[in-house]
Amino acid sequence: MGLNRMGRDRYRDEIGYAFKDLNNDGIPEMMILSSGYVVLGIYTLENGVPVLLDTYWERHRCEIDKDGILYTHGSSGACDHSW
């Protein structure tokens, strides 16, 4: 069953973005965020072209510290985890 018009509007209002130069190379990365500041994706520019660095979801999460370091945690849902 697809999303109705109300469903699409609800999700659109829960997603935003922010720019920050995470690796201090002079190019601000774009972070796609949920309304709770959960990182959903990160883009950068390479030779002026947007490049997706990674996407994140419930079982593959990302946190960014004050120095721009990305910490990721993944889980298969069983006993298999990655950091």
N, C-alpha and C. Protein backbone atom coordinates (compact mmCIF):
# COMPACT_ATOMS: atom_id res chain seq x y z
N MET A 1 0.85 -1.17 0.00
CA MET A 1 0.00 0.00 0.00
C MET A 1 0.90 1.24 0.00
N GLY A 2 0.69 2.14 -0.94
CA GLY A 2 1.51 3.35 -1.05
C GLY A 2 1.08 4.42 -0.06
N LEU A 3 1.94 5.41 0.08
CA LEU A 3 1.62 6.54 0.96
C LEU A 3 0.59 7.43 0.30
N ASN A 4 -0.37 7.88 1.06
CA ASN A 4 -1.30 8.87 0.53
C ASN A 4 -0.69 10.25 0.63
N ARG A 5 -1.37 11.25 0.15
CA ARG A 5 -0.84 12.62 0.14
C ARG A 5 -0.47 13.06 1.56
N MET A 6 -1.28 12.75 2.55
CA MET A 6 -0.98 13.15 3.93
C MET A 6 0.32 12.50 4.41
N GLY A 7 0.55 11.24 4.05
CA GLY A 7 1.76 10.55 4.47
C GLY A 7 3.00 11.20 3.91
N ARG A 8 2.98 11.58 2.63
CA ARG A 8 4.14 12.23 2.02
C ARG A 8 4.41 13.57 2.68
N ASP A 9 3.38 14.35 2.95
CA ASP A 9 3.57 15.65 3.60
C ASP A 9 4.18 15.49 4.97
N ARG A 10 3.73 14.49 5.71
CA ARG A 10 4.25 14.27 7.05
C ARG A 10 5.74 14.00 7.02
N TYR A 11 6.20 13.12 6.12
CA TYR A 11 7.61 12.79 6.05
C TYR A 11 8.44 13.96 5.52
N ARG A 12 7.89 14.73 4.60
CA ARG A 12 8.62 15.89 4.08
C ARG A 12 8.93 16.87 5.20
N ASP A 13 8.00 17.07 6.11
CA ASP A 13 8.19 18.02 7.20
C ASP A 13 9.14 17.51 8.28
N GLU A 14 9.48 16.24 8.26
CA GLU A 14 10.36 15.67 9.28
C GLU A 14 11.81 15.58 8.83
N ILE A 15 12.12 16.00 7.60
CA ILE A 15 13.48 15.88 7.08
C ILE A 15 14.03 17.27 6.74
N GLY A 16 15.29 17.50 7.13
CA GLY A 16 15.95 18.76 6.83
C GLY A 16 17.40 18.51 6.47
N TYR A 17 18.17 19.59 6.43
CA TYR A 17 19.58 19.45 6.08
C TYR A 17 20.40 20.51 6.80
N ALA A 18 21.69 20.26 6.87
CA ALA A 18 22.64 21.21 7.46
C ALA A 18 23.96 21.07 6.71
N PHE A 19 24.73 22.16 6.70
CA PHE A 19 26.04 22.17 6.06
C PHE A 19 27.12 22.39 7.10
N LYS A 20 28.21 21.61 7.01
CA LYS A 20 29.37 21.79 7.89
C LYS A 20 30.56 21.13 7.22
N ASP A 21 31.69 21.80 7.27
CA ASP A 21 32.92 21.23 6.73
C ASP A 21 33.46 20.23 7.75
N LEU A 22 33.11 18.97 7.58
CA LEU A 22 33.44 17.94 8.56
C LEU A 22 34.93 17.61 8.60
N ASN A 23 35.61 17.65 7.46
CA ASN A 23 37.02 17.24 7.42
C ASN A 23 37.98 18.40 7.18
N ASN A 24 37.50 19.63 7.35
CA ASN A 24 38.33 20.84 7.24
C ASN A 24 39.10 20.95 5.93
N ASP A 25 38.45 20.57 4.81
CA ASP A 25 39.08 20.71 3.50
C ASP A 25 38.55 21.92 2.73
N GLY A 26 37.74 22.74 3.40
CA GLY A 26 37.18 23.92 2.76
C GLY A 26 35.90 23.67 1.99
N ILE A 27 35.43 22.43 1.97
CA ILE A 27 34.19 22.07 1.26
C ILE A 27 33.17 21.62 2.30
N PRO A 28 32.07 22.38 2.49
CA PRO A 28 31.07 21.97 3.47
C PRO A 28 30.30 20.74 3.00
N GLU A 29 30.21 19.75 3.85
CA GLU A 29 29.39 18.57 3.56
C GLU A 29 27.93 18.90 3.88
N MET A 30 27.02 18.25 3.16
CA MET A 30 25.59 18.42 3.42
C MET A 30 25.10 17.16 4.14
N MET A 31 24.52 17.36 5.32
CA MET A 31 23.98 16.26 6.09
C MET A 31 22.46 16.30 6.00
N ILE A 32 21.85 15.19 5.62
CA ILE A 32 20.40 15.06 5.61
C ILE A 32 20.02 14.54 6.98
N LEU A 33 19.09 15.24 7.66
CA LEU A 33 18.75 14.94 9.05
C LEU A 33 17.26 14.78 9.24
N SER A 34 16.87 13.96 10.21
CA SER A 34 15.47 13.88 10.61
C SER A 34 15.20 15.00 11.61
N SER A 35 13.94 15.19 11.95
CA SER A 35 13.58 16.25 12.89
C SER A 35 14.24 16.06 14.25
N GLY A 36 14.67 14.86 14.60
CA GLY A 36 15.36 14.59 15.85
C GLY A 36 16.87 14.64 15.70
N TYR A 37 17.37 15.24 14.62
CA TYR A 37 18.80 15.35 14.31
C TYR A 37 19.48 14.00 14.13
N VAL A 38 18.73 13.03 13.66
CA VAL A 38 19.31 11.73 13.30
C VAL A 38 19.87 11.87 11.89
N VAL A 39 21.14 11.47 11.71
CA VAL A 39 21.79 11.59 10.41
C VAL A 39 21.22 10.51 9.47
N LEU A 40 20.71 10.94 8.31
CA LEU A 40 20.15 10.02 7.32
C LEU A 40 21.07 9.84 6.12
N GLY A 41 21.92 10.83 5.86
CA GLY A 41 22.84 10.75 4.73
C GLY A 41 23.81 11.91 4.76
N ILE A 42 24.96 11.72 4.10
CA ILE A 42 25.97 12.78 4.02
C ILE A 42 26.48 12.85 2.59
N TYR A 43 26.50 14.08 2.06
CA TYR A 43 27.02 14.36 0.72
C TYR A 43 28.21 15.30 0.82
N THR A 44 29.12 15.21 -0.15
CA THR A 44 30.20 16.17 -0.29
C THR A 44 30.30 16.54 -1.76
N LEU A 45 31.20 17.43 -2.09
CA LEU A 45 31.47 17.79 -3.49
C LEU A 45 32.83 17.27 -3.88
N GLU A 46 32.90 16.66 -5.05
CA GLU A 46 34.18 16.21 -5.61
C GLU A 46 34.27 16.76 -7.02
N ASN A 47 35.23 17.66 -7.23
CA ASN A 47 35.35 18.36 -8.52
C ASN A 47 34.05 19.07 -8.89
N GLY A 48 33.37 19.63 -7.88
CA GLY A 48 32.14 20.37 -8.10
C GLY A 48 30.90 19.52 -8.29
N VAL A 49 31.03 18.20 -8.18
CA VAL A 49 29.90 17.28 -8.38
C VAL A 49 29.50 16.68 -7.03
N PRO A 50 28.19 16.71 -6.68
CA PRO A 50 27.75 16.10 -5.43
C PRO A 50 28.03 14.59 -5.41
N VAL A 51 28.56 14.11 -4.29
CA VAL A 51 28.87 12.69 -4.12
C VAL A 51 28.26 12.24 -2.79
N LEU A 52 27.50 11.15 -2.82
CA LEU A 52 26.93 10.58 -1.61
C LEU A 52 28.01 9.80 -0.88
N LEU A 53 28.31 10.19 0.35
CA LEU A 53 29.31 9.46 1.14
C LEU A 53 28.72 8.21 1.76
N ASP A 54 27.51 8.32 2.33
CA ASP A 54 26.84 7.15 2.91
C ASP A 54 25.43 7.53 3.30
N THR A 55 24.60 6.51 3.46
CA THR A 55 23.25 6.69 3.99
C THR A 55 23.14 5.89 5.28
N TYR A 56 22.21 6.30 6.11
CA TYR A 56 22.06 5.68 7.43
C TYR A 56 20.59 5.41 7.71
N TRP A 57 20.33 4.43 8.53
CA TRP A 57 18.98 4.04 8.89
C TRP A 57 19.04 3.39 10.27
N GLU A 58 17.96 2.80 10.70
CA GLU A 58 17.86 2.26 12.06
C GLU A 58 18.97 1.28 12.40
N ARG A 59 19.36 0.43 11.47
CA ARG A 59 20.39 -0.58 11.77
C ARG A 59 21.76 -0.22 11.22
N HIS A 60 21.92 0.98 10.74
CA HIS A 60 23.22 1.49 10.30
C HIS A 60 23.21 2.98 10.62
N ARG A 61 23.62 3.31 11.85
CA ARG A 61 23.50 4.67 12.37
C ARG A 61 24.82 5.41 12.32
N CYS A 62 24.71 6.74 12.36
CA CYS A 62 25.89 7.59 12.33
C CYS A 62 25.73 8.71 13.35
N GLU A 63 26.80 8.97 14.07
CA GLU A 63 26.87 10.13 14.95
C GLU A 63 28.12 10.91 14.55
N ILE A 64 28.04 12.23 14.65
CA ILE A 64 29.15 13.10 14.28
C ILE A 64 29.59 13.86 15.52
N ASP A 65 30.88 13.75 15.86
CA ASP A 65 31.34 14.47 17.05
C ASP A 65 31.70 15.92 16.70
N LYS A 66 32.09 16.69 17.69
CA LYS A 66 32.34 18.12 17.51
C LYS A 66 33.50 18.39 16.56
N ASP A 67 34.39 17.40 16.36
CA ASP A 67 35.52 17.55 15.47
C ASP A 67 35.23 17.06 14.05
N GLY A 68 33.99 16.63 13.80
CA GLY A 68 33.60 16.16 12.48
C GLY A 68 33.88 14.70 12.22
N ILE A 69 34.28 13.96 13.25
CA ILE A 69 34.54 12.53 13.10
C ILE A 69 33.22 11.78 13.07
N LEU A 70 33.08 10.88 12.10
CA LEU A 70 31.86 10.07 11.96
C LEU A 70 32.03 8.77 12.72
N TYR A 71 31.08 8.45 13.55
CA TYR A 71 31.03 7.18 14.26
C TYR A 71 29.81 6.43 13.75
N THR A 72 30.02 5.24 13.22
CA THR A 72 28.90 4.45 12.71
C THR A 72 28.76 3.16 13.50
N HIS A 73 27.54 2.71 13.56
CA HIS A 73 27.24 1.44 14.23
C HIS A 73 26.23 0.71 13.37
N GLY A 74 26.52 -0.53 13.07
CA GLY A 74 25.61 -1.34 12.27
C GLY A 74 25.24 -2.62 12.99
N SER A 75 24.07 -3.14 12.66
CA SER A 75 23.60 -4.38 13.25
C SER A 75 22.76 -5.13 12.23
N SER A 76 22.96 -6.43 12.18
CA SER A 76 22.15 -7.26 11.29
C SER A 76 20.82 -7.62 11.95
N GLY A 77 20.66 -7.22 13.20
CA GLY A 77 19.46 -7.59 13.93
C GLY A 77 19.68 -8.83 14.77
N ALA A 78 20.76 -9.51 14.55
CA ALA A 78 21.11 -10.70 15.35
C ALA A 78 22.30 -10.32 16.23
N CYS A 79 23.27 -11.15 16.30
CA CYS A 79 24.45 -10.88 17.13
C CYS A 79 25.60 -10.27 16.33
N ASP A 80 25.36 -9.86 15.11
CA ASP A 80 26.39 -9.31 14.25
C ASP A 80 26.34 -7.80 14.28
N HIS A 81 27.38 -7.15 14.85
CA HIS A 81 27.46 -5.71 14.97
C HIS A 81 28.76 -5.21 14.36
N SER A 82 28.75 -3.96 13.90
CA SER A 82 29.98 -3.34 13.42
C SER A 82 30.07 -1.92 13.96
N TRP A 83 31.28 -1.47 14.24
CA TRP A 83 31.52 -0.12 14.73
C TRP A 83 32.56 0.52 13.85
